[in-house]
């Protein structure tokens, strides 16, 4: 060992261990929070909302009517296909 390690008192070593234990506990708590199903779902919803806003609005906040119209047309087409399938089945 180096002189630095051998010159530490027992109290200093115990304090370092306690600090490391506290940091580890904080890290475990943070990982637990990040991996909670509710937190994952919340982040996914926020991400989807942000992507939708980026796709349908300009950086200045104006609506991109051509994209909104295309999305509406696609939604109507999908609903129409669903109705047509139900009538056949």
C-alpha atoms as a PDB file:
ATOM      1  CA  UNK A   1       0.000   0.000   0.000  1.00  0.00           C
ATOM      2  CA  UNK A   2       1.044   3.548  -0.461  1.00  0.00           C
ATOM      3  CA  UNK A   3       1.796   5.898   2.395  1.00  0.00           C
ATOM      4  CA  UNK A   4      -1.502   7.694   1.747  1.00  0.00           C
ATOM      5  CA  UNK A   5      -3.564   4.592   2.551  1.00  0.00           C
ATOM      6  CA  UNK A   6      -1.558   3.611   5.617  1.00  0.00           C
ATOM      7  CA  UNK A   7      -1.795   7.093   7.121  1.00  0.00           C
ATOM      8  CA  UNK A   8      -5.600   7.168   7.114  1.00  0.00           C
ATOM      9  CA  UNK A   9      -7.327   6.756  10.427  1.00  0.00           C
ATOM     10  CA  UNK A  10     -10.029   4.215  11.050  1.00  0.00           C
ATOM     11  CA  UNK A  11     -12.558   7.049  11.251  1.00  0.00           C
ATOM     12  CA  UNK A  12     -11.518   8.376   7.825  1.00  0.00           C
ATOM     13  CA  UNK A  13     -11.836   4.931   6.264  1.00  0.00           C
ATOM     14  CA  UNK A  14     -15.244   4.419   7.886  1.00  0.00           C
ATOM     15  CA  UNK A  15     -16.375   7.830   6.604  1.00  0.00           C
ATOM     16  CA  UNK A  16     -15.256   6.944   3.059  1.00  0.00           C
ATOM     17  CA  UNK A  17     -17.105   3.637   3.254  1.00  0.00           C
ATOM     18  CA  UNK A  18     -20.247   5.369   4.529  1.00  0.00           C
ATOM     19  CA  UNK A  19     -20.044   7.950   1.716  1.00  0.00           C
ATOM     20  CA  UNK A  20     -19.588   5.201  -0.878  1.00  0.00           C
ATOM     21  CA  UNK A  21     -22.550   3.320   0.613  1.00  0.00           C
ATOM     22  CA  UNK A  22     -24.717   6.463   0.380  1.00  0.00           C
ATOM     23  CA  UNK A  23     -23.709   7.031  -3.254  1.00  0.00           C
ATOM     24  CA  UNK A  24     -24.497   3.414  -4.071  1.00  0.00           C
ATOM     25  CA  UNK A  25     -27.907   3.654  -2.358  1.00  0.00           C
ATOM     26  CA  UNK A  26     -28.705   6.804  -4.335  1.00  0.00           C
ATOM     27  CA  UNK A  27     -27.720   5.061  -7.573  1.00  0.00           C
ATOM     28  CA  UNK A  28     -29.881   2.029  -6.781  1.00  0.00           C
ATOM     29  CA  UNK A  29     -32.836   4.289  -5.945  1.00  0.00           C
ATOM     30  CA  UNK A  30     -32.386   6.188  -9.226  1.00  0.00           C
ATOM     31  CA  UNK A  31     -32.216   2.951 -11.223  1.00  0.00           C
ATOM     32  CA  UNK A  32     -35.340   1.677  -9.463  1.00  0.00           C
ATOM     33  CA  UNK A  33     -37.202   4.878 -10.329  1.00  0.00           C
ATOM     34  CA  UNK A  34     -36.072   4.842 -13.954  1.00  0.00           C
ATOM     35  CA  UNK A  35     -37.129   1.219 -14.467  1.00  0.00           C
ATOM     36  CA  UNK A  36     -40.550   1.487 -12.830  1.00  0.00           C
ATOM     37  CA  UNK A  37     -43.255   0.593 -15.374  1.00  0.00           C
ATOM     38  CA  UNK A  38     -45.159   3.815 -14.713  1.00  0.00           C
ATOM     39  CA  UNK A  39     -42.025   5.895 -15.351  1.00  0.00           C
ATOM     40  CA  UNK A  40     -41.245   4.025 -18.565  1.00  0.00           C
ATOM     41  CA  UNK A  41     -44.823   4.541 -19.793  1.00  0.00           C
ATOM     42  CA  UNK A  42     -44.694   8.241 -18.862  1.00  0.00           C
ATOM     43  CA  UNK A  43     -41.450   8.724 -20.813  1.00  0.00           C
ATOM     44  CA  UNK A  44     -42.859   6.901 -23.836  1.00  0.00           C
ATOM     45  CA  UNK A  45     -46.022   9.035 -23.836  1.00  0.00           C
ATOM     46  CA  UNK A  46     -43.935  12.212 -23.543  1.00  0.00           C
ATOM     47  CA  UNK A  47     -41.705  11.048 -26.399  1.00  0.00           C
ATOM     48  CA  UNK A  48     -44.700  10.221 -28.618  1.00  0.00           C
ATOM     49  CA  UNK A  49     -46.261  13.623 -27.916  1.00  0.00           C
ATOM     50  CA  UNK A  50     -43.005  15.383 -28.752  1.00  0.00           C
ATOM     51  CA  UNK A  51     -42.622  13.427 -32.002  1.00  0.00           C
ATOM     52  CA  UNK A  52     -46.210  14.198 -32.970  1.00  0.00           C
ATOM     53  CA  UNK A  53     -45.724  17.910 -32.254  1.00  0.00           C
ATOM     54  CA  UNK A  54     -42.483  17.949 -34.264  1.00  0.00           C
ATOM     55  CA  UNK A  55     -44.201  16.214 -37.166  1.00  0.00           C
ATOM     56  CA  UNK A  56     -47.275  18.439 -37.210  1.00  0.00           C
ATOM     57  CA  UNK A  57     -45.858  21.840 -36.232  1.00  0.00           C
ATOM     58  CA  UNK A  58     -43.083  24.048 -37.533  1.00  0.00           C
ATOM     59  CA  UNK A  59     -40.317  25.186 -35.171  1.00  0.00           C
ATOM     60  CA  UNK A  60     -42.196  28.495 -34.794  1.00  0.00           C
ATOM     61  CA  UNK A  61     -45.335  26.628 -33.638  1.00  0.00           C
ATOM     62  CA  UNK A  62     -47.455  26.902 -36.781  1.00  0.00           C
ATOM     63  CA  UNK A  63     -49.490  23.879 -37.871  1.00  0.00           C
ATOM     64  CA  UNK A  64     -48.190  22.037 -40.916  1.00  0.00           C
ATOM     65  CA  UNK A  65     -51.523  21.640 -42.671  1.00  0.00           C
ATOM     66  CA  UNK A  66     -50.162  19.359 -45.398  1.00  0.00           C
ATOM     67  CA  UNK A  67     -48.928  16.858 -42.816  1.00  0.00           C
ATOM     68  CA  UNK A  68     -52.036  17.100 -40.654  1.00  0.00           C
ATOM     69  CA  UNK A  69     -54.176  16.562 -43.759  1.00  0.00           C
ATOM     70  CA  UNK A  70     -52.127  13.524 -44.748  1.00  0.00           C
ATOM     71  CA  UNK A  71     -52.455  12.074 -41.243  1.00  0.00           C
ATOM     72  CA  UNK A  72     -56.213  12.666 -41.260  1.00  0.00           C
ATOM     73  CA  UNK A  73     -56.538  11.031 -44.680  1.00  0.00           C
ATOM     74  CA  UNK A  74     -54.538   8.019 -43.511  1.00  0.00           C
ATOM     75  CA  UNK A  75     -56.722   7.716 -40.396  1.00  0.00           C
ATOM     76  CA  UNK A  76     -59.914   7.860 -42.498  1.00  0.00           C
ATOM     77  CA  UNK A  77     -58.505   5.227 -44.871  1.00  0.00           C
ATOM     78  CA  UNK A  78     -57.635   2.896 -41.990  1.00  0.00           C
ATOM     79  CA  UNK A  79     -61.078   3.319 -40.447  1.00  0.00           C
ATOM     80  CA  UNK A  80     -62.645   2.645 -43.858  1.00  0.00           C
ATOM     81  CA  UNK A  81     -60.616  -0.543 -44.246  1.00  0.00           C
ATOM     82  CA  UNK A  82     -61.687  -1.687 -40.787  1.00  0.00           C
ATOM     83  CA  UNK A  83     -65.351  -1.059 -41.570  1.00  0.00           C
ATOM     84  CA  UNK A  84     -65.042  -2.871 -44.909  1.00  0.00           C
ATOM     85  CA  UNK A  85     -63.450  -5.906 -43.240  1.00  0.00           C
ATOM     86  CA  UNK A  86     -66.198  -6.094 -40.632  1.00  0.00           C
ATOM     87  CA  UNK A  87     -68.887  -6.013 -43.315  1.00  0.00           C
ATOM     88  CA  UNK A  88     -67.219  -8.871 -45.193  1.00  0.00           C
ATOM     89  CA  UNK A  89     -66.694 -10.953 -42.073  1.00  0.00           C
END
